[in-house]
Amino acid sequence: MPIHIDSDDDSTPIVEPDTNAHKLLKVLFDHPDMGFAPRELAELTDVPHSSVHKTLSRLQERGLVRKVDSYWAIADDVAGSRVGNLVSLAAIEEEYGDDAYGDDDDWVEDAPDLGENA
């Protein structure tokens, strides 16, 4: 995905999907109040044990994870951001949960034609 070099907008993903970093972060995101030893993370993912520590160290440099003694956890501000996102999504679901757009495509017939460049 191309990005604008002169832009302050960082639209590149934090980690690419289906990478070791993504797999490790998913486990840590799912358990923000727990710390895991590298061996435990290797067992919970298909990331080789030899790659776990190296990947976690890179994630730590980026401020995404933290290390407490020999255990790894999601960084506090990253966990807080995720909780904020989940709360926001819950509020949207509560407000608009009965929205029929996902269940009924009949509205498409009434949508204006935006042309081929839309």
PDB file of N, CA and C in Angstrom:
ATOM      1  N   MET A   1       0.844  -1.158   0.000  1.00  0.00           N
ATOM      2  CA  MET A   1       0.000   0.000   0.000  1.00  0.00           C
ATOM      3  C   MET A   1       0.900   1.235   0.000  1.00  0.00           C
ATOM      4  N   PRO A   2       0.803   2.097  -1.001  1.00  0.00           N
ATOM      5  CA  PRO A   2       1.631   3.297  -1.043  1.00  0.00           C
ATOM      6  C   PRO A   2       1.187   4.313   0.006  1.00  0.00           C
ATOM      7  N   ILE A   3       2.127   5.098   0.507  1.00  0.00           N
ATOM      8  CA  ILE A   3       1.824   6.158   1.469  1.00  0.00           C
ATOM      9  C   ILE A   3       2.422   7.453   0.966  1.00  0.00           C
ATOM     10  N   HIS A   4       1.916   8.575   1.468  1.00  0.00           N
ATOM     11  CA  HIS A   4       2.471   9.886   1.141  1.00  0.00           C
ATOM     12  C   HIS A   4       3.694  10.120   2.013  1.00  0.00           C
ATOM     13  N   ILE A   5       4.831  10.328   1.412  1.00  0.00           N
ATOM     14  CA  ILE A   5       6.082  10.515   2.140  1.00  0.00           C
ATOM     15  C   ILE A   5       6.074  11.806   2.940  1.00  0.00           C
ATOM     16  N   ASP A   6       5.510  12.881   2.391  1.00  0.00           N
ATOM     17  CA  ASP A   6       5.525  14.184   3.041  1.00  0.00           C
ATOM     18  C   ASP A   6       4.352  14.382   3.985  1.00  0.00           C
ATOM     19  N   SER A   7       3.670  13.338   4.323  1.00  0.00           N
ATOM     20  CA  SER A   7       2.495  13.437   5.167  1.00  0.00           C
ATOM     21  C   SER A   7       2.824  13.007   6.594  1.00  0.00           C
ATOM     22  N   ASP A   8       2.144  13.640   7.561  1.00  0.00           N
ATOM     23  CA  ASP A   8       2.272  13.224   8.953  1.00  0.00           C
ATOM     24  C   ASP A   8       1.391  12.020   9.247  1.00  0.00           C
ATOM     25  N   ASP A   9       0.529  11.667   8.306  1.00  0.00           N
ATOM     26  CA  ASP A   9      -0.381  10.545   8.469  1.00  0.00           C
ATOM     27  C   ASP A   9       0.367   9.244   8.258  1.00  0.00           C
ATOM     28  N   ASP A  10       0.490   8.451   9.318  1.00  0.00           N
ATOM     29  CA  ASP A  10       1.163   7.160   9.210  1.00  0.00           C
ATOM     30  C   ASP A  10       0.101   6.099   8.993  1.00  0.00           C
ATOM     31  N   SER A  11      -0.178   5.799   7.734  1.00  0.00           N
ATOM     32  CA  SER A  11      -1.245   4.859   7.425  1.00  0.00           C
ATOM     33  C   SER A  11      -0.729   3.435   7.262  1.00  0.00           C
ATOM     34  N   THR A  12       0.540   3.202   7.545  1.00  0.00           N
ATOM     35  CA  THR A  12       1.050   1.845   7.467  1.00  0.00           C
ATOM     36  C   THR A  12       0.592   1.079   8.703  1.00  0.00           C
ATOM     37  N   PRO A  13       0.289  -0.186   8.571  1.00  0.00           N
ATOM     38  CA  PRO A  13      -0.172  -0.955   9.724  1.00  0.00           C
ATOM     39  C   PRO A  13       0.937  -1.100  10.770  1.00  0.00           C
ATOM     40  N   ILE A  14       0.539  -1.247  12.022  1.00  0.00           N
ATOM     41  CA  ILE A  14       1.502  -1.413  13.110  1.00  0.00           C
ATOM     42  C   ILE A  14       2.322  -2.672  12.873  1.00  0.00           C
ATOM     43  N   VAL A  15       1.658  -3.747  12.553  1.00  0.00           N
ATOM     44  CA  VAL A  15       2.335  -4.992  12.176  1.00  0.00           C
ATOM     45  C   VAL A  15       1.550  -5.607  11.024  1.00  0.00           C
ATOM     46  N   GLU A  16       2.252  -6.281  10.176  1.00  0.00           N
ATOM     47  CA  GLU A  16       1.602  -6.937   9.041  1.00  0.00           C
ATOM     48  C   GLU A  16       0.866  -8.188   9.526  1.00  0.00           C
ATOM     49  N   PRO A  17      -0.316  -8.456   8.997  1.00  0.00           N
ATOM     50  CA  PRO A  17      -1.038  -9.680   9.358  1.00  0.00           C
ATOM     51  C   PRO A  17      -0.238 -10.933   8.986  1.00  0.00           C
ATOM     52  N   ASP A  18      -0.471 -11.986   9.733  1.00  0.00           N
ATOM     53  CA  ASP A  18       0.145 -13.298   9.509  1.00  0.00           C
ATOM     54  C   ASP A  18       1.664 -13.293   9.671  1.00  0.00           C
ATOM     55  N   THR A  19       2.181 -12.370  10.461  1.00  0.00           N
ATOM     56  CA  THR A  19       3.606 -12.371  10.781  1.00  0.00           C
ATOM     57  C   THR A  19       3.774 -12.854  12.216  1.00  0.00           C
ATOM     58  N   ASN A  20       5.005 -13.164  12.593  1.00  0.00           N
ATOM     59  CA  ASN A  20       5.270 -13.567  13.973  1.00  0.00           C
ATOM     60  C   ASN A  20       4.837 -12.477  14.946  1.00  0.00           C
ATOM     61  N   ALA A  21       5.126 -11.227  14.610  1.00  0.00           N
ATOM     62  CA  ALA A  21       4.751 -10.113  15.478  1.00  0.00           C
ATOM     63  C   ALA A  21       3.238 -10.054  15.657  1.00  0.00           C
ATOM     64  N   HIS A  22       2.511 -10.236  14.584  1.00  0.00           N
ATOM     65  CA  HIS A  22       1.047 -10.200  14.647  1.00  0.00           C
ATOM     66  C   HIS A  22       0.518 -11.317  15.534  1.00  0.00           C
ATOM     67  N   LYS A  23       1.055 -12.512  15.384  1.00  0.00           N
ATOM     68  CA  LYS A  23       0.603 -13.657  16.177  1.00  0.00           C
ATOM     69  C   LYS A  23       0.875 -13.447  17.663  1.00  0.00           C
ATOM     70  N   LEU A  24       2.043 -12.927  17.990  1.00  0.00           N
ATOM     71  CA  LEU A  24       2.382 -12.681  19.390  1.00  0.00           C
ATOM     72  C   LEU A  24       1.529 -11.567  19.979  1.00  0.00           C
ATOM     73  N   LEU A  25       1.361 -10.494  19.218  1.00  0.00           N
ATOM     74  CA  LEU A  25       0.538  -9.391  19.716  1.00  0.00           C
ATOM     75  C   LEU A  25      -0.903  -9.815  19.949  1.00  0.00           C
ATOM     76  N   LYS A  26      -1.422 -10.670  19.102  1.00  0.00           N
ATOM     77  CA  LYS A  26      -2.801 -11.128  19.272  1.00  0.00           C
ATOM     78  C   LYS A  26      -2.984 -11.819  20.617  1.00  0.00           C
ATOM     79  N   VAL A  27      -2.053 -12.689  20.971  1.00  0.00           N
ATOM     80  CA  VAL A  27      -2.148 -13.374  22.264  1.00  0.00           C
ATOM     81  C   VAL A  27      -2.068 -12.358  23.404  1.00  0.00           C
ATOM     82  N   LEU A  28      -1.132 -11.431  23.303  1.00  0.00           N
ATOM     83  CA  LEU A  28      -0.972 -10.435  24.368  1.00  0.00           C
ATOM     84  C   LEU A  28      -2.173  -9.497  24.442  1.00  0.00           C
ATOM     85  N   PHE A  29      -2.741  -9.120  23.288  1.00  0.00           N
ATOM     86  CA  PHE A  29      -3.956  -8.295  23.265  1.00  0.00           C
ATOM     87  C   PHE A  29      -5.114  -9.008  23.939  1.00  0.00           C
ATOM     88  N   ASP A  30      -5.220 -10.303  23.692  1.00  0.00           N
ATOM     89  CA  ASP A  30      -6.335 -11.080  24.243  1.00  0.00           C
ATOM     90  C   ASP A  30      -6.234 -11.256  25.749  1.00  0.00           C
ATOM     91  N   HIS A  31      -5.042 -11.016  26.314  1.00  0.00           N
ATOM     92  CA  HIS A  31      -4.817 -11.179  27.750  1.00  0.00           C
ATOM     93  C   HIS A  31      -4.017  -9.992  28.284  1.00  0.00           C
ATOM     94  N   PRO A  32      -4.606  -8.778  28.269  1.00  0.00           N
ATOM     95  CA  PRO A  32      -3.842  -7.581  28.611  1.00  0.00           C
ATOM     96  C   PRO A  32      -3.391  -7.513  30.070  1.00  0.00           C
ATOM     97  N   ASP A  33      -3.974  -8.325  30.927  1.00  0.00           N
ATOM     98  CA  ASP A  33      -3.610  -8.298  32.340  1.00  0.00           C
ATOM     99  C   ASP A  33      -2.647  -9.420  32.718  1.00  0.00           C
ATOM    100  N   MET A  34      -2.073 -10.103  31.732  1.00  0.00           N
ATOM    101  CA  MET A  34      -1.189 -11.227  32.007  1.00  0.00           C
ATOM    102  C   MET A  34       0.155 -11.053  31.317  1.00  0.00           C
ATOM    103  N   GLY A  35       1.179 -11.656  31.902  1.00  0.00           N
ATOM    104  CA  GLY A  35       2.494 -11.705  31.291  1.00  0.00           C
ATOM    105  C   GLY A  35       2.815 -13.146  30.929  1.00  0.00           C
ATOM    106  N   PHE A  36       3.544 -13.338  29.853  1.00  0.00           N
ATOM    107  CA  PHE A  36       3.856 -14.668  29.350  1.00  0.00           C
ATOM    108  C   PHE A  36       5.358 -14.828  29.178  1.00  0.00           C
ATOM    109  N   ALA A  37       5.850 -16.010  29.508  1.00  0.00           N
ATOM    110  CA  ALA A  37       7.236 -16.353  29.224  1.00  0.00           C
ATOM    111  C   ALA A  37       7.343 -16.647  27.721  1.00  0.00           C
ATOM    112  N   PRO A  38       8.502 -16.431  27.123  1.00  0.00           N
ATOM    113  CA  PRO A  38       8.660 -16.716  25.697  1.00  0.00           C
ATOM    114  C   PRO A  38       8.251 -18.147  25.323  1.00  0.00           C
ATOM    115  N   ARG A  39       8.577 -19.101  26.158  1.00  0.00           N
ATOM    116  CA  ARG A  39       8.207 -20.492  25.864  1.00  0.00           C
ATOM    117  C   ARG A  39       6.688 -20.655  25.815  1.00  0.00           C
ATOM    118  N   GLU A  40       5.980 -19.984  26.720  1.00  0.00           N
ATOM    119  CA  GLU A  40       4.518 -20.054  26.714  1.00  0.00           C
ATOM    120  C   GLU A  40       3.948 -19.436  25.430  1.00  0.00           C
ATOM    121  N   LEU A  41       4.526 -18.330  25.014  1.00  0.00           N
ATOM    122  CA  LEU A  41       4.060 -17.693  23.778  1.00  0.00           C
ATOM    123  C   LEU A  41       4.315 -18.585  22.568  1.00  0.00           C
ATOM    124  N   ALA A  42       5.435 -19.265  22.569  1.00  0.00           N
ATOM    125  CA  ALA A  42       5.730 -20.191  21.467  1.00  0.00           C
ATOM    126  C   ALA A  42       4.707 -21.324  21.430  1.00  0.00           C
ATOM    127  N   GLU A  43       4.301 -21.800  22.610  1.00  0.00           N
ATOM    128  CA  GLU A  43       3.316 -22.882  22.677  1.00  0.00           C
ATOM    129  C   GLU A  43       1.925 -22.421  22.250  1.00  0.00           C
ATOM    130  N   LEU A  44       1.586 -21.156  22.531  1.00  0.00           N
ATOM    131  CA  LEU A  44       0.262 -20.626  22.207  1.00  0.00           C
ATOM    132  C   LEU A  44       0.137 -20.189  20.741  1.00  0.00           C
ATOM    133  N   THR A  45       1.263 -20.015  20.096  1.00  0.00           N
ATOM    134  CA  THR A  45       1.280 -19.601  18.691  1.00  0.00           C
ATOM    135  C   THR A  45       2.104 -20.617  17.919  1.00  0.00           C
ATOM    136  N   ASP A  46       2.203 -20.453  16.640  1.00  0.00           N
ATOM    137  CA  ASP A  46       3.096 -21.317  15.870  1.00  0.00           C
ATOM    138  C   ASP A  46       4.419 -20.605  15.581  1.00  0.00           C
ATOM    139  N   VAL A  47       4.747 -19.616  16.420  1.00  0.00           N
ATOM    140  CA  VAL A  47       6.016 -18.904  16.284  1.00  0.00           C
ATOM    141  C   VAL A  47       7.109 -19.757  16.918  1.00  0.00           C
ATOM    142  N   PRO A  48       8.172 -20.043  16.193  1.00  0.00           N
ATOM    143  CA  PRO A  48       9.257 -20.838  16.766  1.00  0.00           C
ATOM    144  C   PRO A  48       9.858 -20.149  18.001  1.00  0.00           C
ATOM    145  N   HIS A  49      10.179 -20.957  19.004  1.00  0.00           N
ATOM    146  CA  HIS A  49      10.732 -20.402  20.239  1.00  0.00           C
ATOM    147  C   HIS A  49      11.960 -19.543  19.958  1.00  0.00           C
ATOM    148  N   SER A  50      12.771 -19.934  18.976  1.00  0.00           N
ATOM    149  CA  SER A  50      13.976 -19.182  18.654  1.00  0.00           C
ATOM    150  C   SER A  50      13.668 -17.787  18.098  1.00  0.00           C
ATOM    151  N   SER A  51      12.450 -17.556  17.614  1.00  0.00           N
ATOM    152  CA  SER A  51      12.072 -16.260  17.054  1.00  0.00           C
ATOM    153  C   SER A  51      11.280 -15.386  18.022  1.00  0.00           C
ATOM    154  N   VAL A  52      10.756 -15.984  19.074  1.00  0.00           N
ATOM    155  CA  VAL A  52       9.873 -15.253  19.977  1.00  0.00           C
ATOM    156  C   VAL A  52      10.591 -14.071  20.627  1.00  0.00           C
ATOM    157  N   HIS A  53      11.727 -14.308  21.256  1.00  0.00           N
ATOM    158  CA  HIS A  53      12.419 -13.241  21.985  1.00  0.00           C
ATOM    159  C   HIS A  53      12.850 -12.120  21.050  1.00  0.00           C
ATOM    160  N   LYS A  54      13.380 -12.472  19.899  1.00  0.00           N
ATOM    161  CA  LYS A  54      13.822 -11.474  18.919  1.00  0.00           C
ATOM    162  C   LYS A  54      12.648 -10.607  18.463  1.00  0.00           C
ATOM    163  N   THR A  55      11.514 -11.238  18.188  1.00  0.00           N
ATOM    164  CA  THR A  55      10.332 -10.505  17.737  1.00  0.00           C
ATOM    165  C   THR A  55       9.800  -9.613  18.849  1.00  0.00           C
ATOM    166  N   LEU A  56       9.759 -10.134  20.070  1.00  0.00           N
ATOM    167  CA  LEU A  56       9.285  -9.339  21.200  1.00  0.00           C
ATOM    168  C   LEU A  56      10.193  -8.139  21.453  1.00  0.00           C
ATOM    169  N   SER A  57      11.491  -8.319  21.297  1.00  0.00           N
ATOM    170  CA  SER A  57      12.431  -7.206  21.487  1.00  0.00           C
ATOM    171  C   SER A  57      12.167  -6.091  20.479  1.00  0.00           C
ATOM    172  N   ARG A  58      11.886  -6.464  19.231  1.00  0.00           N
ATOM    173  CA  ARG A  58      11.554  -5.453  18.211  1.00  0.00           C
ATOM    174  C   ARG A  58      10.240  -4.750  18.546  1.00  0.00           C
ATOM    175  N   LEU A  59       9.272  -5.502  19.035  1.00  0.00           N
ATOM    176  CA  LEU A  59       7.997  -4.899  19.424  1.00  0.00           C
ATOM    177  C   LEU A  59       8.177  -3.969  20.621  1.00  0.00           C
ATOM    178  N   GLN A  60       9.089  -4.331  21.525  1.00  0.00           N
ATOM    179  CA  GLN A  60       9.366  -3.482  22.679  1.00  0.00           C
ATOM    180  C   GLN A  60      10.006  -2.162  22.238  1.00  0.00           C
ATOM    181  N   GLU A  61      10.901  -2.222  21.263  1.00  0.00           N
ATOM    182  CA  GLU A  61      11.519  -1.006  20.735  1.00  0.00           C
ATOM    183  C   GLU A  61      10.471  -0.057  20.150  1.00  0.00           C
ATOM    184  N   ARG A  62       9.407  -0.612  19.640  1.00  0.00           N
ATOM    185  CA  ARG A  62       8.328   0.189  19.051  1.00  0.00           C
ATOM    186  C   ARG A  62       7.281   0.589  20.087  1.00  0.00           C
ATOM    187  N   GLY A  63       7.471   0.184  21.335  1.00  0.00           N
ATOM    188  CA  GLY A  63       6.561   0.574  22.404  1.00  0.00           C
ATOM    189  C   GLY A  63       5.263  -0.203  22.452  1.00  0.00           C
ATOM    190  N   LEU A  64       5.229  -1.376  21.818  1.00  0.00           N
ATOM    191  CA  LEU A  64       3.992  -2.156  21.772  1.00  0.00           C
ATOM    192  C   LEU A  64       3.885  -3.186  22.883  1.00  0.00           C
ATOM    193  N   VAL A  65       5.015  -3.650  23.392  1.00  0.00           N
ATOM    194  CA  VAL A  65       5.017  -4.628  24.477  1.00  0.00           C
ATOM    195  C   VAL A  65       5.993  -4.165  25.559  1.00  0.00           C
ATOM    196  N   ARG A  66       5.875  -4.779  26.723  1.00  0.00           N
ATOM    197  CA  ARG A  66       6.798  -4.479  27.823  1.00  0.00           C
ATOM    198  C   ARG A  66       7.255  -5.786  28.449  1.00  0.00           C
ATOM    199  N   LYS A  67       8.396  -5.718  29.106  1.00  0.00           N
ATOM    200  CA  LYS A  67       8.964  -6.893  29.753  1.00  0.00           C
ATOM    201  C   LYS A  67       9.049  -6.625  31.245  1.00  0.00           C
ATOM    202  N   VAL A  68       8.520  -7.563  32.016  1.00  0.00           N
ATOM    203  CA  VAL A  68       8.589  -7.504  33.467  1.00  0.00           C
ATOM    204  C   VAL A  68       9.267  -8.783  33.912  1.00  0.00           C
ATOM    205  N   ASP A  69      10.462  -8.639  34.466  1.00  0.00           N
ATOM    206  CA  ASP A  69      11.323  -9.781  34.768  1.00  0.00           C
ATOM    207  C   ASP A  69      11.528 -10.574  33.471  1.00  0.00           C
ATOM    208  N   SER A  70      11.093 -11.813  33.423  1.00  0.00           N
ATOM    209  CA  SER A  70      11.261 -12.593  32.194  1.00  0.00           C
ATOM    210  C   SER A  70       9.916 -12.821  31.487  1.00  0.00           C
ATOM    211  N   TYR A  71       8.924 -12.016  31.843  1.00  0.00           N
ATOM    212  CA  TYR A  71       7.589 -12.152  31.257  1.00  0.00           C
ATOM    213  C   TYR A  71       7.274 -10.958  30.363  1.00  0.00           C
ATOM    214  N   TRP A  72       6.537 -11.237  29.299  1.00  0.00           N
ATOM    215  CA  TRP A  72       6.172 -10.226  28.324  1.00  0.00           C
ATOM    216  C   TRP A  72       4.673  -9.965  28.379  1.00  0.00           C
ATOM    217  N   ALA A  73       4.304  -8.695  28.217  1.00  0.00           N
ATOM    218  CA  ALA A  73       2.896  -8.294  28.220  1.00  0.00           C
ATOM    219  C   ALA A  73       2.715  -7.149  27.231  1.00  0.00           C
ATOM    220  N   ILE A  74       1.486  -6.895  26.907  1.00  0.00           N
ATOM    221  CA  ILE A  74       1.180  -5.767  26.034  1.00  0.00           C
ATOM    222  C   ILE A  74       1.495  -4.483  26.795  1.00  0.00           C
ATOM    223  N   ALA A  75       1.979  -3.466  26.112  1.00  0.00           N
ATOM    224  CA  ALA A  75       2.287  -2.186  26.760  1.00  0.00           C
ATOM    225  C   ALA A  75       1.004  -1.580  27.323  1.00  0.00           C
ATOM    226  N   ASP A  76       1.133  -0.906  28.461  1.00  0.00           N
ATOM    227  CA  ASP A  76      -0.045  -0.352  29.136  1.00  0.00           C
ATOM    228  C   ASP A  76      -0.847   0.585  28.242  1.00  0.00           C
ATOM    229  N   ASP A  77      -0.173   1.482  27.527  1.00  0.00           N
ATOM    230  CA  ASP A  77      -0.916   2.425  26.691  1.00  0.00           C
ATOM    231  C   ASP A  77      -1.558   1.735  25.491  1.00  0.00           C
ATOM    232  N   VAL A  78      -0.949   0.670  24.989  1.00  0.00           N
ATOM    233  CA  VAL A  78      -1.539  -0.085  23.885  1.00  0.00           C
ATOM    234  C   VAL A  78      -2.778  -0.824  24.387  1.00  0.00           C
ATOM    235  N   ALA A  79      -2.688  -1.412  25.573  1.00  0.00           N
ATOM    236  CA  ALA A  79      -3.845  -2.095  26.155  1.00  0.00           C
ATOM    237  C   ALA A  79      -4.963  -1.097  26.419  1.00  0.00           C
ATOM    238  N   GLY A  80      -4.611   0.090  26.928  1.00  0.00           N
ATOM    239  CA  GLY A  80      -5.616   1.123  27.180  1.00  0.00           C
ATOM    240  C   GLY A  80      -6.293   1.572  25.904  1.00  0.00           C
ATOM    241  N   SER A  81      -5.524   1.697  24.843  1.00  0.00           N
ATOM    242  CA  SER A  81      -6.079   2.080  23.553  1.00  0.00           C
ATOM    243  C   SER A  81      -7.045   1.012  23.060  1.00  0.00           C
ATOM    244  N   ARG A  82      -6.680  -0.248  23.226  1.00  0.00           N
ATOM    245  CA  ARG A  82      -7.557  -1.337  22.784  1.00  0.00           C
ATOM    246  C   ARG A  82      -8.849  -1.342  23.590  1.00  0.00           C
ATOM    247  N   VAL A  83      -8.746  -1.123  24.900  1.00  0.00           N
ATOM    248  CA  VAL A  83      -9.954  -1.068  25.730  1.00  0.00           C
ATOM    249  C   VAL A  83     -10.836   0.089  25.274  1.00  0.00           C
ATOM    250  N   GLY A  84     -10.200   1.236  24.973  1.00  0.00           N
ATOM    251  CA  GLY A  84     -10.962   2.379  24.472  1.00  0.00           C
ATOM    252  C   GLY A  84     -11.676   2.056  23.176  1.00  0.00           C
ATOM    253  N   ASN A  85     -10.992   1.358  22.282  1.00  0.00           N
ATOM    254  CA  ASN A  85     -11.614   0.963  21.017  1.00  0.00           C
ATOM    255  C   ASN A  85     -12.782   0.029  21.249  1.00  0.00           C
ATOM    256  N   LEU A  86     -12.608  -0.931  22.145  1.00  0.00           N
ATOM    257  CA  LEU A  86     -13.690  -1.880  22.423  1.00  0.00           C
ATOM    258  C   LEU A  86     -14.892  -1.181  23.043  1.00  0.00           C
ATOM    259  N   VAL A  87     -14.633  -0.225  23.941  1.00  0.00           N
ATOM    260  CA  VAL A  87     -15.729   0.538  24.550  1.00  0.00           C
ATOM    261  C   VAL A  87     -16.445   1.346  23.480  1.00  0.00           C
ATOM    262  N   SER A  88     -15.683   1.963  22.577  1.00  0.00           N
ATOM    263  CA  SER A  88     -16.284   2.732  21.493  1.00  0.00           C
ATOM    264  C   SER A  88     -17.121   1.839  20.595  1.00  0.00           C
ATOM    265  N   LEU A  89     -16.597   0.672  20.257  1.00  0.00           N
ATOM    266  CA  LEU A  89     -17.353  -0.260  19.417  1.00  0.00           C
ATOM    267  C   LEU A  89     -18.617  -0.731  20.121  1.00  0.00           C
ATOM    268  N   ALA A  90     -18.539  -0.941  21.431  1.00  0.00           N
ATOM    269  CA  ALA A  90     -19.726  -1.358  22.189  1.00  0.00           C
ATOM    270  C   ALA A  90     -20.770  -0.243  22.179  1.00  0.00           C
ATOM    271  N   ALA A  91     -20.319   1.012  22.301  1.00  0.00           N
ATOM    272  CA  ALA A  91     -21.253   2.137  22.273  1.00  0.00           C
ATOM    273  C   ALA A  91     -21.914   2.249  20.897  1.00  0.00           C
ATOM    274  N   ILE A  92     -21.165   2.043  19.837  1.00  0.00           N
ATOM    275  CA  ILE A  92     -21.728   2.078  18.485  1.00  0.00           C
ATOM    276  C   ILE A  92     -22.747   0.957  18.317  1.00  0.00           C
ATOM    277  N   GLU A  93     -22.393  -0.226  18.784  1.00  0.00           N
ATOM    278  CA  GLU A  93     -23.312  -1.372  18.692  1.00  0.00           C
ATOM    279  C   GLU A  93     -24.596  -1.091  19.463  1.00  0.00           C
ATOM    280  N   GLU A  94     -24.449  -0.486  20.650  1.00  0.00           N
ATOM    281  CA  GLU A  94     -25.624  -0.188  21.462  1.00  0.00           C
ATOM    282  C   GLU A  94     -26.511   0.852  20.775  1.00  0.00           C
ATOM    283  N   GLU A  95     -25.879   1.852  20.175  1.00  0.00           N
ATOM    284  CA  GLU A  95     -26.634   2.925  19.513  1.00  0.00           C
ATOM    285  C   GLU A  95     -27.249   2.476  18.196  1.00  0.00           C
ATOM    286  N   TYR A  96     -26.491   1.721  17.403  1.00  0.00           N
ATOM    287  CA  TYR A  96     -26.925   1.391  16.046  1.00  0.00           C
ATOM    288  C   TYR A  96     -27.051  -0.107  15.804  1.00  0.00           C
ATOM    289  N   GLY A  97     -27.130  -0.895  16.843  1.00  0.00           N
ATOM    290  CA  GLY A  97     -27.142  -2.342  16.714  1.00  0.00           C
ATOM    291  C   GLY A  97     -28.274  -2.896  15.888  1.00  0.00           C
ATOM    292  N   ASP A  98     -29.384  -2.174  15.821  1.00  0.00           N
ATOM    293  CA  ASP A  98     -30.517  -2.690  15.047  1.00  0.00           C
ATOM    294  C   ASP A  98     -30.506  -2.182  13.604  1.00  0.00           C
ATOM    295  N   ASP A  99     -29.394  -1.609  13.185  1.00  0.00           N
ATOM    296  CA  ASP A  99     -29.254  -1.110  11.825  1.00  0.00           C
ATOM    297  C   ASP A  99     -29.364  -2.286  10.850  1.00  0.00           C
ATOM    298  N   ALA A 100     -30.178  -2.133   9.848  1.00  0.00           N
ATOM    299  CA  ALA A 100     -30.460  -3.239   8.929  1.00  0.00           C
ATOM    300  C   ALA A 100     -29.553  -3.278   7.714  1.00  0.00           C
ATOM    301  N   TYR A 101     -28.603  -2.358   7.586  1.00  0.00           N
ATOM    302  CA  TYR A 101     -27.771  -2.339   6.382  1.00  0.00           C
ATOM    303  C   TYR A 101     -27.034  -3.655   6.164  1.00  0.00           C
ATOM    304  N   GLY A 102     -26.568  -4.269   7.217  1.00  0.00           N
ATOM    305  CA  GLY A 102     -25.849  -5.522   7.051  1.00  0.00           C
ATOM    306  C   GLY A 102     -26.750  -6.703   6.766  1.00  0.00           C
ATOM    307  N   ASP A 103     -28.014  -6.594   7.141  1.00  0.00           N
ATOM    308  CA  ASP A 103     -28.940  -7.716   6.995  1.00  0.00           C
ATOM    309  C   ASP A 103     -29.770  -7.661   5.724  1.00  0.00           C
ATOM    310  N   ASP A 104     -29.953  -6.457   5.193  1.00  0.00           N
ATOM    311  CA  ASP A 104     -30.873  -6.282   4.073  1.00  0.00           C
ATOM    312  C   ASP A 104     -30.215  -5.386   3.034  1.00  0.00           C
ATOM    313  N   ASP A 105     -29.995  -5.914   1.848  1.00  0.00           N
ATOM    314  CA  ASP A 105     -29.328  -5.149   0.792  1.00  0.00           C
ATOM    315  C   ASP A 105     -30.313  -4.407  -0.118  1.00  0.00           C
ATOM    316  N   ASP A 106     -31.575  -4.350   0.241  1.00  0.00           N
ATOM    317  CA  ASP A 106     -32.560  -3.664  -0.594  1.00  0.00           C
ATOM    318  C   ASP A 106     -32.272  -2.168  -0.709  1.00  0.00           C
ATOM    319  N   TRP A 107     -31.584  -1.591   0.257  1.00  0.00           N
ATOM    320  CA  TRP A 107     -31.263  -0.157   0.238  1.00  0.00           C
ATOM    321  C   TRP A 107     -30.356   0.207  -0.943  1.00  0.00           C
ATOM    322  N   VAL A 108     -29.608  -0.785  -1.478  1.00  0.00           N
ATOM    323  CA  VAL A 108     -28.676  -0.524  -2.568  1.00  0.00           C
ATOM    324  C   VAL A 108     -29.420   0.005  -3.793  1.00  0.00           C
ATOM    325  N   GLU A 109     -30.622  -0.484  -4.015  1.00  0.00           N
ATOM    326  CA  GLU A 109     -31.411  -0.053  -5.177  1.00  0.00           C
ATOM    327  C   GLU A 109     -31.711   1.437  -5.132  1.00  0.00           C
ATOM    328  N   ASP A 110     -31.832   2.016  -3.938  1.00  0.00           N
ATOM    329  CA  ASP A 110     -32.157   3.430  -3.785  1.00  0.00           C
ATOM    330  C   ASP A 110     -30.926   4.321  -3.698  1.00  0.00           C
ATOM    331  N   ALA A 111     -29.744   3.738  -3.649  1.00  0.00           N
ATOM    332  CA  ALA A 111     -28.509   4.524  -3.525  1.00  0.00           C
ATOM    333  C   ALA A 111     -28.206   5.216  -4.849  1.00  0.00           C
ATOM    334  N   PRO A 112     -27.735   6.470  -4.784  1.00  0.00           N
ATOM    335  CA  PRO A 112     -27.424   7.178  -6.031  1.00  0.00           C
ATOM    336  C   PRO A 112     -26.191   6.581  -6.704  1.00  0.00           C
ATOM    337  N   ASP A 113     -26.149   6.667  -8.021  1.00  0.00           N
ATOM    338  CA  ASP A 113     -24.991   6.201  -8.796  1.00  0.00           C
ATOM    339  C   ASP A 113     -23.903   7.256  -8.675  1.00  0.00           C
ATOM    340  N   LEU A 114     -22.761   6.891  -8.156  1.00  0.00           N
ATOM    341  CA  LEU A 114     -21.663   7.836  -7.969  1.00  0.00           C
ATOM    342  C   LEU A 114     -20.696   7.820  -9.137  1.00  0.00           C
ATOM    343  N   GLY A 115     -20.970   7.068 -10.130  1.00  0.00           N
ATOM    344  CA  GLY A 115     -20.103   7.012 -11.310  1.00  0.00           C
ATOM    345  C   GLY A 115     -18.999   5.991 -11.163  1.00  0.00           C
ATOM    346  N   GLU A 116     -18.192   5.897 -12.199  1.00  0.00           N
ATOM    347  CA  GLU A 116     -17.152   4.861 -12.210  1.00  0.00           C
ATOM    348  C   GLU A 116     -15.961   5.202 -11.342  1.00  0.00           C
ATOM    349  N   ASN A 117     -15.808   6.454 -10.933  1.00  0.00           N
ATOM    350  CA  ASN A 117     -14.660   6.861 -10.106  1.00  0.00           C
ATOM    351  C   ASN A 117     -14.941   6.778  -8.619  1.00  0.00           C
ATOM    352  N   ALA A 118     -16.099   6.308  -8.239  1.00  0.00           N
ATOM    353  CA  ALA A 118     -16.455   6.246  -6.820  1.00  0.00           C
ATOM    354  C   ALA A 118     -15.788   5.089  -6.133  1.00  0.00           C
TER     355      ALA A 118
END
